[in-house]
N, C-alpha and C. Protein backbone atom coordinates (compact mmCIF):
# COMPACT_ATOMS: atom_id res chain seq x y z
N UNK A 1 0.85 -1.18 0.00
CA UNK A 1 0.00 0.00 0.00
C UNK A 1 0.89 1.24 0.00
N UNK A 2 0.69 2.18 -0.91
CA UNK A 2 1.53 3.35 -0.97
C UNK A 2 1.30 4.29 0.22
N UNK A 3 2.36 4.98 0.58
CA UNK A 3 2.24 5.96 1.65
C UNK A 3 1.71 7.27 1.09
N UNK A 4 0.92 7.95 1.86
CA UNK A 4 0.39 9.24 1.43
C UNK A 4 0.28 10.16 2.63
N UNK A 5 0.85 11.34 2.53
CA UNK A 5 0.67 12.33 3.58
C UNK A 5 -0.55 13.16 3.25
N UNK A 6 -0.88 14.10 4.11
CA UNK A 6 -2.04 14.97 3.90
C UNK A 6 -2.04 15.53 2.48
N UNK A 7 -3.15 15.43 1.80
CA UNK A 7 -3.23 15.90 0.42
C UNK A 7 -3.97 17.22 0.35
N UNK A 8 -3.70 18.01 -0.69
CA UNK A 8 -4.33 19.31 -0.81
C UNK A 8 -5.79 19.21 -1.21
N UNK A 9 -6.44 20.37 -1.32
CA UNK A 9 -7.84 20.42 -1.74
C UNK A 9 -8.02 19.81 -3.11
N UNK A 10 -9.26 19.53 -3.45
CA UNK A 10 -9.57 18.77 -4.67
C UNK A 10 -9.12 19.44 -5.95
N UNK A 11 -9.06 20.76 -6.00
CA UNK A 11 -8.72 21.42 -7.26
C UNK A 11 -7.30 21.96 -7.27
N UNK A 12 -6.58 21.83 -6.18
CA UNK A 12 -5.21 22.30 -6.10
C UNK A 12 -4.28 21.21 -6.63
N UNK A 13 -3.22 21.57 -7.38
CA UNK A 13 -2.34 20.52 -7.89
C UNK A 13 -1.65 19.78 -6.76
N UNK A 14 -1.46 18.50 -6.94
CA UNK A 14 -0.75 17.67 -5.96
C UNK A 14 0.54 17.19 -6.58
N UNK A 15 1.59 17.20 -5.80
CA UNK A 15 2.91 16.81 -6.27
C UNK A 15 3.28 15.48 -5.63
N UNK A 16 3.61 14.49 -6.46
CA UNK A 16 3.95 13.16 -5.97
C UNK A 16 5.26 12.70 -6.58
N UNK A 17 5.95 11.84 -5.86
CA UNK A 17 7.10 11.14 -6.40
C UNK A 17 6.72 9.67 -6.53
N UNK A 18 6.93 9.10 -7.70
CA UNK A 18 6.63 7.70 -7.95
C UNK A 18 7.89 6.98 -8.38
N UNK A 19 8.02 5.73 -7.98
CA UNK A 19 9.13 4.89 -8.42
C UNK A 19 8.52 3.69 -9.12
N UNK A 20 8.99 3.43 -10.33
CA UNK A 20 8.42 2.36 -11.14
C UNK A 20 9.51 1.57 -11.84
N UNK A 21 9.26 0.29 -12.00
CA UNK A 21 10.20 -0.56 -12.73
C UNK A 21 9.93 -0.53 -14.22
N UNK A 22 8.74 -0.10 -14.65
CA UNK A 22 8.34 -0.19 -16.05
C UNK A 22 8.12 1.15 -16.72
N UNK A 23 8.43 2.24 -16.08
CA UNK A 23 8.10 3.54 -16.64
C UNK A 23 6.71 3.95 -16.22
N UNK A 24 6.13 4.91 -16.92
CA UNK A 24 4.91 5.52 -16.42
C UNK A 24 3.70 5.56 -17.35
N UNK A 25 3.65 4.77 -18.42
CA UNK A 25 2.44 4.81 -19.25
C UNK A 25 1.18 4.45 -18.47
N UNK A 26 1.25 3.45 -17.60
CA UNK A 26 0.08 3.06 -16.80
C UNK A 26 -0.32 4.14 -15.83
N UNK A 27 0.66 4.85 -15.29
CA UNK A 27 0.39 5.93 -14.35
C UNK A 27 -0.39 7.03 -15.06
N UNK A 28 0.09 7.45 -16.21
CA UNK A 28 -0.58 8.52 -16.94
C UNK A 28 -1.98 8.10 -17.38
N UNK A 29 -2.11 6.87 -17.88
CA UNK A 29 -3.41 6.38 -18.32
C UNK A 29 -4.40 6.30 -17.16
N UNK A 30 -3.94 5.84 -16.01
CA UNK A 30 -4.81 5.76 -14.84
C UNK A 30 -5.26 7.15 -14.40
N UNK A 31 -4.32 8.08 -14.34
CA UNK A 31 -4.65 9.45 -13.93
C UNK A 31 -5.67 10.07 -14.89
N UNK A 32 -5.46 9.89 -16.18
CA UNK A 32 -6.38 10.45 -17.18
C UNK A 32 -7.76 9.81 -17.04
N UNK A 33 -7.81 8.49 -16.86
CA UNK A 33 -9.11 7.82 -16.76
C UNK A 33 -9.88 8.25 -15.51
N UNK A 34 -9.16 8.75 -14.50
CA UNK A 34 -9.81 9.21 -13.27
C UNK A 34 -10.10 10.71 -13.31
N UNK A 35 -9.81 11.36 -14.46
CA UNK A 35 -10.13 12.77 -14.62
C UNK A 35 -9.05 13.73 -14.17
N UNK A 36 -7.81 13.25 -14.05
CA UNK A 36 -6.71 14.11 -13.64
C UNK A 36 -5.87 14.54 -14.83
N UNK A 37 -5.42 15.78 -14.81
CA UNK A 37 -4.36 16.23 -15.71
C UNK A 37 -3.06 15.90 -15.00
N UNK A 38 -2.05 15.50 -15.75
CA UNK A 38 -0.78 15.18 -15.11
C UNK A 38 0.37 15.77 -15.89
N UNK A 39 1.40 16.12 -15.16
CA UNK A 39 2.63 16.65 -15.75
C UNK A 39 3.80 15.93 -15.12
N UNK A 40 4.74 15.52 -15.93
CA UNK A 40 5.98 14.95 -15.43
C UNK A 40 6.97 16.10 -15.30
N UNK A 41 7.41 16.37 -14.08
CA UNK A 41 8.30 17.51 -13.83
C UNK A 41 9.76 17.13 -13.96
N UNK A 42 10.10 15.92 -13.50
CA UNK A 42 11.49 15.47 -13.61
C UNK A 42 11.55 13.96 -13.45
N UNK A 43 12.53 13.35 -14.07
CA UNK A 43 12.73 11.91 -13.94
C UNK A 43 14.18 11.62 -13.62
N UNK A 44 14.39 10.46 -13.02
CA UNK A 44 15.74 10.03 -12.68
C UNK A 44 15.78 8.50 -12.75
N UNK A 45 16.79 7.97 -13.44
CA UNK A 45 16.96 6.53 -13.47
C UNK A 45 17.76 6.12 -12.24
N UNK A 46 17.40 4.99 -11.65
CA UNK A 46 18.13 4.50 -10.49
C UNK A 46 18.10 2.98 -10.49
N UNK A 47 18.93 2.40 -9.65
CA UNK A 47 18.97 0.96 -9.51
C UNK A 47 18.79 0.64 -8.03
N UNK A 48 17.82 -0.19 -7.71
CA UNK A 48 17.54 -0.56 -6.33
C UNK A 48 17.31 -2.07 -6.28
N UNK A 49 17.98 -2.72 -5.37
CA UNK A 49 17.86 -4.18 -5.22
C UNK A 49 18.09 -4.91 -6.54
N UNK A 50 19.05 -4.42 -7.33
CA UNK A 50 19.38 -5.05 -8.60
C UNK A 50 18.38 -4.80 -9.71
N UNK A 51 17.40 -3.94 -9.48
CA UNK A 51 16.35 -3.67 -10.46
C UNK A 51 16.47 -2.23 -10.95
N UNK A 52 16.44 -2.06 -12.27
CA UNK A 52 16.45 -0.71 -12.82
C UNK A 52 15.07 -0.10 -12.63
N UNK A 53 15.06 1.13 -12.16
CA UNK A 53 13.80 1.81 -11.88
C UNK A 53 13.88 3.25 -12.38
N UNK A 54 12.73 3.88 -12.46
CA UNK A 54 12.65 5.29 -12.80
C UNK A 54 11.87 5.98 -11.70
N UNK A 55 12.44 7.07 -11.20
CA UNK A 55 11.72 7.90 -10.22
C UNK A 55 11.25 9.14 -10.96
N UNK A 56 9.98 9.47 -10.83
CA UNK A 56 9.43 10.65 -11.51
C UNK A 56 8.74 11.54 -10.49
N UNK A 57 8.97 12.81 -10.61
CA UNK A 57 8.21 13.78 -9.84
C UNK A 57 7.10 14.26 -10.76
N UNK A 58 5.86 14.10 -10.32
CA UNK A 58 4.71 14.38 -11.16
C UNK A 58 3.73 15.29 -10.43
N UNK A 59 3.03 16.09 -11.20
CA UNK A 59 1.99 16.97 -10.64
C UNK A 59 0.65 16.52 -11.22
N UNK A 60 -0.34 16.38 -10.34
CA UNK A 60 -1.69 15.98 -10.74
C UNK A 60 -2.68 17.05 -10.32
N UNK A 61 -3.63 17.33 -11.21
CA UNK A 61 -4.72 18.26 -10.89
C UNK A 61 -6.00 17.63 -11.41
N UNK A 62 -7.02 17.57 -10.55
CA UNK A 62 -8.28 16.98 -10.99
C UNK A 62 -9.37 17.12 -9.96
N UNK A 63 -10.53 16.61 -10.32
CA UNK A 63 -11.70 16.73 -9.46
C UNK A 63 -11.92 15.52 -8.58
N UNK A 64 -11.36 14.37 -8.96
CA UNK A 64 -11.53 13.17 -8.14
C UNK A 64 -10.71 13.32 -6.86
N UNK A 65 -11.10 12.62 -5.81
CA UNK A 65 -10.31 12.69 -4.58
C UNK A 65 -8.90 12.13 -4.78
N UNK A 66 -7.91 12.88 -4.33
CA UNK A 66 -6.52 12.46 -4.49
C UNK A 66 -6.19 11.14 -3.79
N UNK A 67 -6.74 10.87 -2.61
CA UNK A 67 -6.42 9.57 -1.99
C UNK A 67 -6.80 8.39 -2.88
N UNK A 68 -7.88 8.51 -3.65
CA UNK A 68 -8.26 7.44 -4.57
C UNK A 68 -7.22 7.28 -5.68
N UNK A 69 -6.66 8.39 -6.16
CA UNK A 69 -5.61 8.32 -7.17
C UNK A 69 -4.37 7.64 -6.60
N UNK A 70 -3.99 7.99 -5.38
CA UNK A 70 -2.81 7.39 -4.75
C UNK A 70 -2.97 5.88 -4.65
N UNK A 71 -4.13 5.43 -4.22
CA UNK A 71 -4.38 3.99 -4.10
C UNK A 71 -4.31 3.33 -5.47
N UNK A 72 -4.96 3.92 -6.47
CA UNK A 72 -4.97 3.33 -7.82
C UNK A 72 -3.55 3.25 -8.40
N UNK A 73 -2.76 4.30 -8.21
CA UNK A 73 -1.39 4.28 -8.73
C UNK A 73 -0.54 3.24 -8.01
N UNK A 74 -0.72 3.12 -6.71
CA UNK A 74 0.05 2.15 -5.93
C UNK A 74 -0.26 0.71 -6.28
N UNK A 75 -1.42 0.46 -6.87
CA UNK A 75 -1.83 -0.90 -7.24
C UNK A 75 -1.36 -1.30 -8.64
N UNK A 76 -0.80 -0.36 -9.40
CA UNK A 76 -0.34 -0.68 -10.76
C UNK A 76 0.88 -1.58 -10.72
N UNK A 77 0.93 -2.53 -11.67
CA UNK A 77 2.10 -3.40 -11.79
C UNK A 77 3.33 -2.55 -12.03
N UNK A 78 4.39 -2.84 -11.30
CA UNK A 78 5.66 -2.15 -11.50
C UNK A 78 5.83 -0.90 -10.66
N UNK A 79 4.75 -0.33 -10.13
CA UNK A 79 4.91 0.86 -9.29
C UNK A 79 5.38 0.40 -7.92
N UNK A 80 6.53 0.90 -7.52
CA UNK A 80 7.15 0.47 -6.27
C UNK A 80 6.84 1.41 -5.11
N UNK A 81 6.54 2.66 -5.41
CA UNK A 81 6.25 3.62 -4.33
C UNK A 81 5.48 4.81 -4.89
N UNK A 82 4.59 5.36 -4.08
CA UNK A 82 3.89 6.60 -4.39
C UNK A 82 4.00 7.45 -3.12
N UNK A 83 4.58 8.61 -3.23
CA UNK A 83 4.76 9.45 -2.05
C UNK A 83 4.33 10.87 -2.36
N UNK A 84 3.44 11.40 -1.53
CA UNK A 84 3.04 12.79 -1.68
C UNK A 84 4.20 13.66 -1.18
N UNK A 85 4.59 14.63 -1.98
CA UNK A 85 5.71 15.49 -1.63
C UNK A 85 5.32 16.51 -0.57
N UNK A 86 6.31 17.03 0.11
CA UNK A 86 6.10 17.97 1.20
C UNK A 86 5.34 19.22 0.73
N UNK A 87 5.47 19.59 -0.54
CA UNK A 87 4.78 20.77 -1.07
C UNK A 87 3.26 20.66 -0.93
N UNK A 88 2.73 19.45 -0.74
CA UNK A 88 1.30 19.27 -0.60
C UNK A 88 0.79 19.69 0.77
N UNK A 89 1.67 19.78 1.75
CA UNK A 89 1.24 20.10 3.10
C UNK A 89 0.94 21.58 3.22
N UNK A 90 -0.09 21.90 3.95
CA UNK A 90 -0.46 23.30 4.13
C UNK A 90 0.00 23.78 5.47
C-alpha cells in the first residue's frame, strides 16, 4: 500500500514522487481515466535491489479525490512507491 501524507484540496495541484520498474504509461493512463491532468516535472533513473527503476516527480490536478488516485497508482504493476511530496502540506 503506498504511503500518502495529507493531500491538498480537490482542485489544487498535488505533487507526488513515484518509483516504477516499467516507466509511467500506466500511471498517466490511470490518472487520465480518473479525470486528472498530469505533468511529469522530472525523472531520474536508479537501480535498487538489482532492479532498474525510474523515479518521476509528477503533478496531478483533478476533481476526483486524491487519496483514490494514490491507491490506484500504488496498485499498478511495477509501481514500487507513491509518495506525496512535502509541497502538498499546508
